[in-house]
Amino acid sequence: MTYMGHPSDKLRKKLKMVFLAYSKKNFYWSQHLQKITLKMGYVPLNPFMIFDYFLLDSLSRDKVRLGNNNLIMIADELWVIGDIPDGVVAEIR
């Protein structure tokens, strides 16, 4: 069997990863923020897209917060969008 290749084989450019920090009040913008970030040439680390909304409270919120903090550690940049509630302040620190 011969490997015919895949379109992703040619897409090996390293992009910066950006953590998107924003209020739960803007949850409805999650997909739009993800799309805009990708269009700008960055990889979005969007907690509301990865963990939904605290995984519907099926885990402790601290587990989700720990996951968020690890995403921030691997991100090249942190973008704050909109108002800055306490949770976003903690992410900025």
Protein backbone atom coordinates (compact mmCIF):
# COMPACT_ATOMS: atom_id res chain seq x y z
CA MET A 1 0.00 0.00 0.00
CA THR A 2 1.36 3.41 -1.00
CA TYR A 3 0.95 6.44 1.22
CA MET A 4 -0.81 9.09 -0.86
CA GLY A 5 -0.21 11.95 1.53
CA HIS A 6 -2.58 14.22 3.36
CA PRO A 7 -3.10 18.00 3.09
CA SER A 8 -1.88 18.44 6.68
CA ASP A 9 1.54 17.03 5.71
CA LYS A 10 2.45 20.42 4.20
CA LEU A 11 1.19 22.48 7.14
CA ARG A 12 4.07 22.43 9.60
CA LYS A 13 4.47 26.13 10.43
CA LYS A 14 4.80 26.77 14.18
CA LEU A 15 2.19 29.28 15.30
CA LYS A 16 2.10 31.19 18.57
CA MET A 17 -0.44 29.94 21.10
CA VAL A 18 -2.69 32.53 22.72
CA PHE A 19 -4.72 32.03 25.89
CA LEU A 20 -8.01 33.91 25.58
CA ALA A 21 -9.10 35.32 28.95
CA TYR A 22 -12.61 36.72 29.17
CA SER A 23 -15.65 36.85 31.42
CA LYS A 24 -18.25 34.09 31.49
CA LYS A 25 -20.68 36.86 30.53
CA ASN A 26 -19.07 36.72 27.08
CA PHE A 27 -19.32 32.92 26.82
CA TYR A 28 -21.54 33.27 23.75
CA TRP A 29 -18.59 34.82 21.87
CA SER A 30 -16.41 31.71 22.34
CA GLN A 31 -16.60 30.39 18.78
CA HIS A 32 -16.21 33.83 17.23
CA LEU A 33 -13.13 34.55 19.34
CA GLN A 34 -11.65 31.21 18.31
CA LYS A 35 -12.30 31.92 14.63
CA ILE A 36 -10.85 35.45 14.79
CA THR A 37 -7.72 34.22 16.59
CA LEU A 38 -7.11 31.51 13.97
CA LYS A 39 -7.67 34.00 11.14
CA MET A 40 -5.02 36.25 12.72
CA GLY A 41 -2.52 33.37 12.55
CA TYR A 42 -2.53 32.25 16.18
CA VAL A 43 -3.64 29.05 17.90
CA PRO A 44 -6.39 29.92 20.41
CA LEU A 45 -6.28 28.31 23.83
CA ASN A 46 -9.87 29.04 24.67
CA PRO A 47 -10.91 27.60 28.04
CA PHE A 48 -14.62 27.80 27.24
CA MET A 49 -14.05 25.73 24.09
CA ILE A 50 -11.75 23.20 25.77
CA PHE A 51 -13.55 22.79 29.10
CA ASP A 52 -16.99 24.01 28.00
CA TYR A 53 -18.48 25.91 30.91
CA PHE A 54 -16.68 24.27 33.86
CA LEU A 55 -17.47 20.88 32.25
CA LEU A 56 -21.08 21.35 33.32
CA ASP A 57 -19.89 21.14 36.94
CA SER A 58 -19.14 17.41 36.51
CA LEU A 59 -15.69 18.02 38.09
CA SER A 60 -14.60 20.38 40.79
CA ARG A 61 -14.02 23.89 39.49
CA ASP A 62 -10.52 23.75 40.95
CA LYS A 63 -9.63 20.90 38.54
CA VAL A 64 -10.78 23.07 35.63
CA ARG A 65 -8.90 26.08 37.04
CA LEU A 66 -5.75 23.93 37.28
CA GLY A 67 -6.21 22.98 33.63
CA ASN A 68 -6.61 26.66 32.73
CA ASN A 69 -3.45 27.58 34.64
CA ASN A 70 -1.49 24.92 32.73
CA LEU A 71 -2.77 26.27 29.42
CA ILE A 72 -1.58 29.72 30.46
CA MET A 73 1.88 28.29 31.21
CA ILE A 74 2.26 26.90 27.68
CA ALA A 75 0.73 29.94 25.96
CA ASP A 76 3.03 32.38 24.21
CA GLU A 77 0.63 35.24 24.90
CA LEU A 78 -2.42 35.99 27.05
CA TRP A 79 -5.15 38.17 25.55
CA VAL A 80 -7.74 39.79 27.80
CA ILE A 81 -11.04 40.45 26.07
CA GLY A 82 -13.72 42.72 27.53
CA ASP A 83 -14.32 43.34 31.22
CA ILE A 84 -11.85 41.99 33.75
CA PRO A 85 -13.64 39.96 36.46
CA ASP A 86 -11.83 38.27 39.38
CA GLY A 87 -11.20 35.04 37.46
CA VAL A 88 -9.48 36.88 34.63
CA VAL A 89 -7.41 38.89 37.14
CA ALA A 90 -6.19 35.58 38.59
CA GLU A 91 -5.30 34.36 35.08
CA ILE A 92 -3.33 37.54 34.38
CA ARG A 93 -1.23 37.09 37.53
